[in-house]
């Protein structure tokens, strides 16, 4: 029984040519852009392209090299106004035949985060979505938006402000108090 591809752009690894690159060019249409925007909680996704190729790397590994381009609209982290951001980033994945995951309670991240085990299908569409999600600004800000100070306390209690919580805020004043004044010196 032949397995169906995860997306129309998916490439079956067993059918990829060893001696030539296999190009791909993904430019989702408007309904797909809307679907992606909803999945990533974006206000809008105006443009999205993922262009690159998959090529053999050595005798048993595969490399995907591409460029992700997108124009995203997100809510400002402070004012919730729409913020438009352009994303243009290179994307690389190396699918290794001898990839092994370390199974331990605590594992350090590998130095090369582009390494993955060889799957049955290399799916540029899912890699495009992952790369877009990873490259979205975490806290987009509209021009001039600043985070103000919130002061909350019980009635009758002096509120503790951000400035009061800084350990070295009063150090300069204390240093000035410890200096002998020039008026108190004896002749």
N, C-alpha and C. Protein backbone atom coordinates (compact mmCIF):
# COMPACT_ATOMS: atom_id res chain seq x y z
N UNK A 1 0.84 -1.18 0.00
CA UNK A 1 0.00 0.00 0.00
C UNK A 1 0.88 1.24 0.00
N UNK A 2 0.64 2.12 -0.96
CA UNK A 2 1.45 3.33 -1.09
C UNK A 2 0.91 4.41 -0.16
N UNK A 3 1.82 5.01 0.58
CA UNK A 3 1.47 6.06 1.53
C UNK A 3 1.20 7.36 0.78
N UNK A 4 0.16 8.09 1.20
CA UNK A 4 -0.15 9.36 0.53
C UNK A 4 0.72 10.47 1.11
N UNK A 5 1.08 11.45 0.27
CA UNK A 5 1.95 12.54 0.73
C UNK A 5 1.22 13.43 1.73
N UNK A 6 1.98 14.02 2.68
CA UNK A 6 1.37 14.92 3.67
C UNK A 6 0.86 16.22 3.08
N UNK A 7 1.39 16.63 1.93
CA UNK A 7 0.91 17.84 1.24
C UNK A 7 1.23 17.69 -0.25
N UNK A 8 0.62 18.51 -1.08
CA UNK A 8 0.91 18.41 -2.52
C UNK A 8 2.37 18.69 -2.88
N UNK A 9 3.08 19.43 -2.03
CA UNK A 9 4.48 19.76 -2.32
C UNK A 9 5.47 18.73 -1.80
N UNK A 10 4.99 17.73 -1.05
CA UNK A 10 5.87 16.76 -0.41
C UNK A 10 6.63 15.93 -1.45
N UNK A 11 7.88 15.66 -1.15
CA UNK A 11 8.76 14.91 -2.04
C UNK A 11 9.11 13.58 -1.38
N UNK A 12 8.83 12.47 -2.07
CA UNK A 12 9.16 11.14 -1.53
C UNK A 12 10.66 10.94 -1.66
N UNK A 13 11.33 10.72 -0.55
CA UNK A 13 12.79 10.61 -0.51
C UNK A 13 13.28 9.49 -1.41
N UNK A 14 12.59 8.36 -1.43
CA UNK A 14 13.00 7.21 -2.25
C UNK A 14 12.98 7.52 -3.74
N UNK A 15 12.24 8.54 -4.15
CA UNK A 15 12.11 8.89 -5.57
C UNK A 15 12.95 10.11 -5.98
N UNK A 16 13.70 10.70 -5.05
CA UNK A 16 14.52 11.87 -5.39
C UNK A 16 15.75 11.45 -6.18
N UNK A 17 16.12 12.22 -7.21
CA UNK A 17 17.33 11.91 -7.97
C UNK A 17 18.59 12.22 -7.16
N UNK A 18 19.59 11.36 -7.23
CA UNK A 18 20.83 11.54 -6.48
C UNK A 18 21.76 12.59 -7.11
N UNK A 19 21.69 12.76 -8.43
CA UNK A 19 22.68 13.59 -9.11
C UNK A 19 22.17 14.97 -9.53
N UNK A 20 20.93 15.31 -9.25
CA UNK A 20 20.42 16.64 -9.60
C UNK A 20 19.60 17.20 -8.44
N UNK A 21 19.49 18.50 -8.41
CA UNK A 21 18.68 19.16 -7.39
C UNK A 21 17.21 19.08 -7.79
N UNK A 22 16.35 18.99 -6.80
CA UNK A 22 14.91 18.99 -7.03
C UNK A 22 14.37 20.33 -6.52
N UNK A 23 14.02 21.23 -7.44
CA UNK A 23 13.57 22.57 -7.02
C UNK A 23 12.11 22.56 -6.56
N UNK A 24 11.77 23.56 -5.74
CA UNK A 24 10.38 23.80 -5.36
C UNK A 24 10.17 25.30 -5.25
N UNK A 25 8.94 25.74 -5.46
CA UNK A 25 8.60 27.15 -5.42
C UNK A 25 7.17 27.25 -4.88
N UNK A 26 7.04 27.52 -3.60
CA UNK A 26 5.73 27.59 -2.96
C UNK A 26 5.30 29.04 -2.80
N UNK A 27 4.15 29.35 -3.32
CA UNK A 27 3.54 30.68 -3.17
C UNK A 27 2.05 30.45 -2.94
N UNK A 28 1.65 30.29 -1.68
CA UNK A 28 0.25 29.97 -1.37
C UNK A 28 -0.72 31.02 -1.89
N UNK A 29 -1.91 30.55 -2.31
CA UNK A 29 -2.95 31.45 -2.80
C UNK A 29 -3.66 32.11 -1.61
N UNK A 30 -4.58 33.04 -1.90
CA UNK A 30 -5.24 33.83 -0.86
C UNK A 30 -5.98 32.97 0.18
N UNK A 31 -6.75 31.95 -0.22
CA UNK A 31 -7.40 31.14 0.82
C UNK A 31 -6.39 30.40 1.73
N UNK A 32 -5.29 29.94 1.16
CA UNK A 32 -4.28 29.26 1.96
C UNK A 32 -3.57 30.26 2.89
N UNK A 33 -3.31 31.49 2.40
CA UNK A 33 -2.71 32.53 3.25
C UNK A 33 -3.60 32.82 4.45
N UNK A 34 -4.91 32.89 4.22
CA UNK A 34 -5.86 33.15 5.30
C UNK A 34 -5.83 32.00 6.30
N UNK A 35 -5.78 30.78 5.81
CA UNK A 35 -5.73 29.59 6.67
C UNK A 35 -4.46 29.59 7.55
N UNK A 36 -3.33 29.93 6.94
CA UNK A 36 -2.06 29.98 7.67
C UNK A 36 -2.09 31.10 8.71
N UNK A 37 -2.63 32.26 8.33
CA UNK A 37 -2.72 33.39 9.26
C UNK A 37 -3.56 33.01 10.48
N UNK A 38 -4.66 32.33 10.27
CA UNK A 38 -5.50 31.90 11.39
C UNK A 38 -4.77 30.89 12.27
N UNK A 39 -4.06 29.96 11.66
CA UNK A 39 -3.34 28.93 12.42
C UNK A 39 -2.24 29.54 13.29
N UNK A 40 -1.62 30.63 12.82
CA UNK A 40 -0.52 31.28 13.55
C UNK A 40 -0.97 32.50 14.35
N UNK A 41 -2.27 32.72 14.45
CA UNK A 41 -2.84 33.87 15.18
C UNK A 41 -2.32 35.20 14.66
N UNK A 42 -2.25 35.33 13.36
CA UNK A 42 -1.84 36.59 12.73
C UNK A 42 -3.07 37.39 12.34
N UNK A 43 -2.94 38.70 12.30
CA UNK A 43 -4.03 39.54 11.80
C UNK A 43 -4.11 39.44 10.29
N UNK A 44 -2.97 39.18 9.66
CA UNK A 44 -2.94 39.04 8.22
C UNK A 44 -1.62 38.48 7.74
N UNK A 45 -1.66 37.89 6.57
CA UNK A 45 -0.47 37.36 5.90
C UNK A 45 -0.61 37.76 4.45
N UNK A 46 0.15 38.78 4.05
CA UNK A 46 -0.03 39.36 2.72
C UNK A 46 0.72 38.59 1.64
N UNK A 47 1.92 38.21 1.93
CA UNK A 47 2.74 37.49 0.95
C UNK A 47 3.47 36.37 1.67
N UNK A 48 3.66 35.28 0.98
CA UNK A 48 4.44 34.18 1.52
C UNK A 48 5.04 33.42 0.35
N UNK A 49 6.35 33.26 0.40
CA UNK A 49 7.02 32.45 -0.62
C UNK A 49 8.10 31.62 0.04
N UNK A 50 8.29 30.44 -0.52
CA UNK A 50 9.31 29.52 -0.03
C UNK A 50 9.90 28.88 -1.27
N UNK A 51 11.11 29.33 -1.62
CA UNK A 51 11.75 28.90 -2.87
C UNK A 51 13.09 28.26 -2.54
N UNK A 52 13.32 27.09 -3.12
CA UNK A 52 14.59 26.42 -2.86
C UNK A 52 14.68 25.09 -3.58
N UNK A 53 15.52 24.22 -3.03
CA UNK A 53 15.69 22.90 -3.64
C UNK A 53 16.11 21.87 -2.59
N UNK A 54 15.97 20.62 -2.99
CA UNK A 54 16.43 19.49 -2.18
C UNK A 54 17.50 18.78 -3.02
N UNK A 55 18.65 18.52 -2.40
CA UNK A 55 19.73 17.87 -3.12
C UNK A 55 20.38 16.80 -2.24
N UNK A 56 21.03 15.86 -2.92
CA UNK A 56 21.73 14.80 -2.21
C UNK A 56 22.94 15.40 -1.49
N UNK A 57 23.20 14.90 -0.31
CA UNK A 57 24.35 15.34 0.49
C UNK A 57 25.13 14.07 0.82
N UNK A 58 26.22 13.85 0.12
CA UNK A 58 26.96 12.60 0.31
C UNK A 58 26.19 11.46 -0.34
N UNK A 59 26.35 10.26 0.20
CA UNK A 59 25.73 9.10 -0.42
C UNK A 59 24.35 8.77 0.14
N UNK A 60 24.00 9.26 1.33
CA UNK A 60 22.73 8.85 1.92
C UNK A 60 21.94 9.98 2.57
N UNK A 61 22.47 11.19 2.61
CA UNK A 61 21.80 12.30 3.28
C UNK A 61 21.19 13.26 2.26
N UNK A 62 20.29 14.13 2.73
CA UNK A 62 19.62 15.10 1.86
C UNK A 62 19.63 16.47 2.52
N UNK A 63 19.79 17.51 1.69
CA UNK A 63 19.82 18.88 2.19
C UNK A 63 18.73 19.69 1.49
N UNK A 64 17.93 20.39 2.31
CA UNK A 64 16.95 21.33 1.79
C UNK A 64 17.51 22.73 2.05
N UNK A 65 17.60 23.52 0.99
CA UNK A 65 18.08 24.90 1.09
C UNK A 65 17.02 25.78 0.44
N UNK A 66 16.58 26.82 1.17
CA UNK A 66 15.50 27.66 0.64
C UNK A 66 15.59 29.06 1.22
N UNK A 67 14.75 29.93 0.66
CA UNK A 67 14.60 31.28 1.19
C UNK A 67 13.13 31.49 1.48
N UNK A 68 12.84 31.91 2.72
CA UNK A 68 11.48 32.20 3.15
C UNK A 68 11.28 33.71 3.08
N UNK A 69 10.21 34.12 2.43
CA UNK A 69 9.84 35.52 2.38
C UNK A 69 8.38 35.67 2.79
N UNK A 70 8.09 36.61 3.67
CA UNK A 70 6.71 36.79 4.12
C UNK A 70 6.49 38.21 4.60
N UNK A 71 5.26 38.69 4.44
CA UNK A 71 4.83 39.95 5.02
C UNK A 71 3.69 39.62 5.96
N UNK A 72 3.92 39.81 7.26
CA UNK A 72 2.95 39.43 8.27
C UNK A 72 2.41 40.65 9.00
N UNK A 73 1.17 40.54 9.46
CA UNK A 73 0.55 41.60 10.26
C UNK A 73 0.16 40.96 11.58
N UNK A 74 0.70 41.53 12.68
CA UNK A 74 0.45 41.03 14.02
C UNK A 74 -0.05 42.16 14.90
N UNK A 75 -0.71 41.84 16.01
CA UNK A 75 -1.10 42.91 16.93
C UNK A 75 0.11 43.39 17.73
N UNK A 76 0.19 44.69 17.94
CA UNK A 76 1.25 45.27 18.77
C UNK A 76 1.14 44.70 20.17
N UNK A 77 2.26 44.34 20.77
CA UNK A 77 2.27 43.76 22.11
C UNK A 77 1.83 44.76 23.17
N UNK A 78 1.84 46.06 22.86
CA UNK A 78 1.48 47.09 23.84
C UNK A 78 0.09 47.66 23.55
N UNK A 79 -0.15 48.07 22.30
CA UNK A 79 -1.38 48.79 21.97
C UNK A 79 -2.42 47.96 21.21
N UNK A 80 -2.02 46.79 20.73
CA UNK A 80 -2.84 45.91 19.90
C UNK A 80 -3.12 46.47 18.51
N UNK A 81 -2.47 47.58 18.14
CA UNK A 81 -2.57 48.11 16.78
C UNK A 81 -1.89 47.13 15.82
N UNK A 82 -2.31 47.07 14.56
CA UNK A 82 -1.65 46.18 13.60
C UNK A 82 -0.21 46.64 13.33
N UNK A 83 0.71 45.67 13.33
CA UNK A 83 2.12 45.92 13.04
C UNK A 83 2.51 45.03 11.87
N UNK A 84 3.02 45.63 10.81
CA UNK A 84 3.43 44.88 9.62
C UNK A 84 4.93 44.64 9.67
N UNK A 85 5.34 43.40 9.45
CA UNK A 85 6.75 43.02 9.49
C UNK A 85 7.09 42.23 8.24
N UNK A 86 8.23 42.53 7.67
CA UNK A 86 8.73 41.76 6.52
C UNK A 86 9.76 40.77 7.04
N UNK A 87 9.63 39.52 6.63
CA UNK A 87 10.55 38.46 7.03
C UNK A 87 11.22 37.91 5.77
N UNK A 88 12.53 37.92 5.73
CA UNK A 88 13.32 37.31 4.65
C UNK A 88 14.47 36.57 5.31
N UNK A 89 14.40 35.24 5.32
CA UNK A 89 15.42 34.45 6.00
C UNK A 89 15.79 33.22 5.17
N UNK A 90 17.05 32.81 5.26
CA UNK A 90 17.43 31.54 4.63
C UNK A 90 17.00 30.39 5.55
N UNK A 91 16.65 29.26 4.94
CA UNK A 91 16.23 28.08 5.69
C UNK A 91 17.03 26.89 5.17
N UNK A 92 17.60 26.13 6.10
CA UNK A 92 18.37 24.94 5.74
C UNK A 92 17.97 23.79 6.66
N UNK A 93 17.82 22.62 6.08
CA UNK A 93 17.60 21.40 6.85
C UNK A 93 18.51 20.32 6.26
N UNK A 94 19.19 19.60 7.12
CA UNK A 94 20.01 18.48 6.69
C UNK A 94 19.39 17.22 7.26
N UNK A 95 18.92 16.36 6.38
CA UNK A 95 18.29 15.11 6.77
C UNK A 95 19.35 14.02 6.71
N UNK A 96 19.69 13.46 7.87
CA UNK A 96 20.78 12.49 7.96
C UNK A 96 20.26 11.07 8.13
N UNK A 97 20.91 10.15 7.43
CA UNK A 97 20.53 8.74 7.54
C UNK A 97 20.98 8.14 8.86
N UNK A 98 22.09 8.63 9.41
CA UNK A 98 22.60 8.07 10.68
C UNK A 98 22.26 8.96 11.88
N UNK A 99 21.21 9.75 11.75
CA UNK A 99 20.77 10.64 12.83
C UNK A 99 20.27 9.79 14.00
N UNK A 100 20.71 10.15 15.18
CA UNK A 100 20.21 9.44 16.36
C UNK A 100 19.88 10.45 17.44
N UNK A 101 18.69 10.30 18.00
CA UNK A 101 18.27 11.18 19.08
C UNK A 101 18.76 10.61 20.40
N UNK A 102 19.24 11.49 21.26
CA UNK A 102 19.68 11.09 22.58
C UNK A 102 18.47 11.09 23.48
N UNK A 103 18.20 9.95 24.08
CA UNK A 103 17.05 9.86 24.99
C UNK A 103 17.57 9.85 26.41
N UNK A 104 17.44 10.99 27.06
CA UNK A 104 17.89 11.15 28.44
C UNK A 104 17.00 12.17 29.11
N UNK A 105 16.94 12.17 30.43
CA UNK A 105 16.09 13.16 31.12
C UNK A 105 16.47 14.60 30.79
N UNK A 106 17.76 14.87 30.72
CA UNK A 106 18.22 16.21 30.38
C UNK A 106 19.18 16.10 29.21
N UNK A 107 18.87 16.81 28.14
CA UNK A 107 19.69 16.75 26.94
C UNK A 107 19.99 18.17 26.49
N UNK A 108 21.24 18.43 26.18
CA UNK A 108 21.60 19.74 25.65
C UNK A 108 21.20 19.81 24.19
N UNK A 109 20.88 21.00 23.74
CA UNK A 109 20.54 21.19 22.33
C UNK A 109 21.79 20.95 21.50
N UNK A 110 21.64 20.30 20.35
CA UNK A 110 22.80 20.10 19.50
C UNK A 110 23.28 21.44 18.94
N UNK A 111 24.57 21.48 18.57
CA UNK A 111 25.13 22.72 18.00
C UNK A 111 24.45 23.08 16.69
N UNK A 112 24.08 22.08 15.91
CA UNK A 112 23.45 22.32 14.62
C UNK A 112 21.98 21.96 14.70
N UNK A 113 21.11 22.99 14.79
CA UNK A 113 19.68 22.74 14.92
C UNK A 113 19.00 22.44 13.60
N UNK A 114 19.76 22.40 12.50
CA UNK A 114 19.17 22.09 11.20
C UNK A 114 19.14 20.59 10.92
N UNK A 115 19.74 19.78 11.80
CA UNK A 115 19.80 18.34 11.59
C UNK A 115 18.49 17.66 11.94
N UNK A 116 18.08 16.72 11.09
CA UNK A 116 16.87 15.94 11.33
C UNK A 116 17.07 14.54 10.76
N UNK A 117 16.31 13.56 11.24
CA UNK A 117 16.39 12.23 10.64
C UNK A 117 15.71 12.25 9.26
N UNK A 118 16.11 11.35 8.39
CA UNK A 118 15.50 11.28 7.06
C UNK A 118 14.09 10.72 7.20
N UNK A 119 13.09 11.48 6.75
CA UNK A 119 11.72 10.98 6.79
C UNK A 119 11.39 10.25 5.47
N UNK A 120 10.20 9.70 5.39
CA UNK A 120 9.74 9.11 4.14
C UNK A 120 9.49 10.21 3.12
N UNK A 121 8.97 11.33 3.59
CA UNK A 121 8.65 12.48 2.74
C UNK A 121 9.38 13.71 3.27
N UNK A 122 9.98 14.48 2.38
CA UNK A 122 10.49 15.81 2.73
C UNK A 122 9.41 16.77 2.26
N UNK A 123 8.82 17.48 3.20
CA UNK A 123 7.66 18.32 2.91
C UNK A 123 8.01 19.80 3.01
N UNK A 124 8.32 20.45 1.89
CA UNK A 124 8.63 21.88 1.93
C UNK A 124 7.52 22.73 2.55
N UNK A 125 6.26 22.33 2.37
CA UNK A 125 5.15 23.09 2.93
C UNK A 125 5.21 23.12 4.46
N UNK A 126 5.44 21.98 5.09
CA UNK A 126 5.51 21.97 6.56
C UNK A 126 6.77 22.67 7.06
N UNK A 127 7.86 22.57 6.31
CA UNK A 127 9.09 23.28 6.71
C UNK A 127 8.88 24.78 6.57
N UNK A 128 8.15 25.21 5.54
CA UNK A 128 7.84 26.63 5.35
C UNK A 128 7.04 27.15 6.55
N UNK A 129 6.02 26.40 6.97
CA UNK A 129 5.19 26.83 8.10
C UNK A 129 5.99 26.88 9.39
N UNK A 130 6.84 25.89 9.61
CA UNK A 130 7.68 25.88 10.81
C UNK A 130 8.64 27.06 10.82
N UNK A 131 9.28 27.33 9.67
CA UNK A 131 10.24 28.44 9.58
C UNK A 131 9.53 29.78 9.78
N UNK A 132 8.33 29.91 9.23
CA UNK A 132 7.57 31.16 9.41
C UNK A 132 7.24 31.35 10.88
N UNK A 133 6.74 30.31 11.52
CA UNK A 133 6.38 30.40 12.93
C UNK A 133 7.59 30.74 13.80
N UNK A 134 8.74 30.14 13.51
CA UNK A 134 9.95 30.40 14.31
C UNK A 134 10.51 31.80 14.09
N UNK A 135 10.20 32.42 12.96
CA UNK A 135 10.78 33.73 12.65
C UNK A 135 9.82 34.90 12.87
N UNK A 136 8.64 34.62 13.39
CA UNK A 136 7.71 35.71 13.70
C UNK A 136 8.24 36.51 14.88
N UNK A 137 8.12 37.83 14.87
CA UNK A 137 8.52 38.62 16.04
C UNK A 137 7.68 38.20 17.25
N UNK A 138 8.33 37.99 18.39
CA UNK A 138 7.61 37.56 19.59
C UNK A 138 6.75 38.68 20.17
N UNK A 139 7.29 39.90 20.19
CA UNK A 139 6.58 41.03 20.78
C UNK A 139 6.64 42.22 19.82
N UNK A 140 5.87 42.18 18.74
CA UNK A 140 5.92 43.30 17.79
C UNK A 140 5.40 44.57 18.43
N UNK A 141 6.01 45.69 18.06
CA UNK A 141 5.60 46.98 18.62
C UNK A 141 5.32 47.99 17.52
N UNK A 142 4.23 48.69 17.68
CA UNK A 142 3.90 49.78 16.77
C UNK A 142 4.87 50.93 17.04
N UNK A 143 5.07 51.77 16.04
CA UNK A 143 5.97 52.91 16.20
C UNK A 143 5.49 53.79 17.35
N UNK A 144 6.39 54.10 18.28
CA UNK A 144 6.08 54.97 19.40
C UNK A 144 5.38 54.29 20.57
N UNK A 145 5.09 53.00 20.46
CA UNK A 145 4.41 52.29 21.56
C UNK A 145 5.41 52.00 22.67
N UNK A 146 5.05 52.42 23.87
CA UNK A 146 5.92 52.18 25.02
C UNK A 146 5.13 51.49 26.11
N UNK A 147 5.79 50.63 26.83
CA UNK A 147 5.17 49.93 27.94
C UNK A 147 5.22 50.83 29.15
N UNK A 148 4.07 51.16 29.70
CA UNK A 148 4.00 52.05 30.86
C UNK A 148 4.27 51.28 32.15
N UNK A 149 4.14 51.98 33.25
CA UNK A 149 4.37 51.39 34.56
C UNK A 149 3.02 51.15 35.24
N UNK A 150 2.85 49.97 35.79
CA UNK A 150 1.63 49.64 36.53
C UNK A 150 1.99 49.61 38.01
N UNK A 151 1.25 50.35 38.82
CA UNK A 151 1.50 50.40 40.26
C UNK A 151 0.22 49.95 40.96
N UNK A 152 0.32 48.84 41.71
CA UNK A 152 -0.84 48.30 42.40
C UNK A 152 -0.45 48.04 43.85
N UNK A 153 -1.31 48.44 44.78
CA UNK A 153 -1.06 48.20 46.20
C UNK A 153 -2.37 48.26 46.97
N UNK A 154 -2.30 47.88 48.22
CA UNK A 154 -3.48 47.97 49.08
C UNK A 154 -3.70 49.43 49.49
N UNK A 155 -4.91 49.79 49.83
CA UNK A 155 -5.18 51.17 50.28
C UNK A 155 -4.36 51.49 51.54
N UNK A 156 -3.77 52.66 51.57
CA UNK A 156 -3.02 53.12 52.73
C UNK A 156 -1.56 52.70 52.73
N UNK A 157 -1.13 51.93 51.75
CA UNK A 157 0.25 51.47 51.68
C UNK A 157 0.94 52.20 50.53
N UNK A 158 2.18 52.66 50.78
CA UNK A 158 2.93 53.33 49.72
C UNK A 158 3.30 52.32 48.65
N UNK A 159 2.95 52.58 47.40
CA UNK A 159 3.24 51.61 46.34
C UNK A 159 4.74 51.49 46.07
N UNK A 160 5.16 50.29 45.73
CA UNK A 160 6.55 50.03 45.35
C UNK A 160 6.63 50.17 43.84
N UNK A 161 7.43 51.11 43.39
CA UNK A 161 7.56 51.36 41.95
C UNK A 161 8.80 50.64 41.42
N UNK A 162 8.88 50.53 40.11
CA UNK A 162 10.03 49.88 39.48
C UNK A 162 11.33 50.53 39.93
N UNK A 163 11.35 51.85 40.01
CA UNK A 163 12.56 52.57 40.40
C UNK A 163 12.99 52.22 41.83
N UNK A 164 12.01 52.00 42.71
CA UNK A 164 12.31 51.65 44.10
C UNK A 164 12.90 50.24 44.22
N UNK A 165 12.56 49.38 43.29
CA UNK A 165 13.00 47.99 43.37
C UNK A 165 14.42 47.80 42.83
N UNK A 166 15.00 48.81 42.26
CA UNK A 166 16.37 48.69 41.72
C UNK A 166 17.36 48.81 42.87
N UNK A 167 18.22 47.82 43.05
CA UNK A 167 19.11 47.80 44.22
C UNK A 167 20.13 48.93 44.26
N UNK A 168 20.50 49.49 43.13
CA UNK A 168 21.53 50.53 43.14
C UNK A 168 20.95 51.92 42.91
N UNK A 169 19.61 52.04 42.99
CA UNK A 169 18.98 53.33 42.71
C UNK A 169 19.44 54.43 43.66
N UNK A 170 19.60 54.11 44.95
CA UNK A 170 19.99 55.14 45.90
C UNK A 170 21.46 55.15 46.22
N UNK A 171 22.25 54.39 45.51
CA UNK A 171 23.68 54.28 45.80
C UNK A 171 24.41 55.61 45.60
N UNK A 172 24.08 56.34 44.56
CA UNK A 172 24.75 57.62 44.31
C UNK A 172 24.46 58.61 45.44
N UNK A 173 23.21 58.64 45.91
CA UNK A 173 22.86 59.55 47.01
C UNK A 173 23.58 59.15 48.29
N UNK A 174 23.71 57.87 48.56
CA UNK A 174 24.42 57.39 49.74
C UNK A 174 25.90 57.75 49.67
N UNK A 175 26.46 57.60 48.50
CA UNK A 175 27.87 57.93 48.30
C UNK A 175 28.11 59.41 48.58
N UNK A 176 27.20 60.27 48.14
CA UNK A 176 27.32 61.71 48.38
C UNK A 176 27.20 62.03 49.86
N UNK A 177 26.39 61.29 50.60
CA UNK A 177 26.24 61.52 52.05
C UNK A 177 27.50 61.15 52.81
N UNK A 178 28.25 60.17 52.35
CA UNK A 178 29.45 59.72 53.04
C UNK A 178 30.67 60.61 52.79
N UNK A 179 30.63 61.43 51.75
CA UNK A 179 31.75 62.34 51.47
C UNK A 179 31.75 63.46 52.50
N UNK A 180 32.92 63.81 53.03
CA UNK A 180 32.97 64.95 53.97
C UNK A 180 32.68 66.25 53.21
N UNK A 181 31.88 67.09 53.82
CA UNK A 181 31.56 68.34 53.13
C UNK A 181 32.71 69.33 53.36
N UNK A 182 32.90 70.26 52.46
CA UNK A 182 33.99 71.23 52.53
C UNK A 182 33.69 72.32 53.56
N UNK A 183 32.43 72.49 53.98
CA UNK A 183 32.07 73.51 54.96
C UNK A 183 32.46 73.12 56.38
N UNK A 184 32.57 71.80 56.66
CA UNK A 184 32.80 71.32 58.01
C UNK A 184 34.29 71.16 58.34
N UNK A 185 35.16 71.47 57.47
CA UNK A 185 36.60 71.27 57.73
C UNK A 185 37.14 72.35 58.65
N UNK A 186 38.10 71.98 59.50
CA UNK A 186 38.68 72.94 60.43
C UNK A 186 39.83 73.66 59.76
N UNK A 187 40.11 74.88 60.20
CA UNK A 187 41.21 75.67 59.63
C UNK A 187 42.50 75.38 60.35
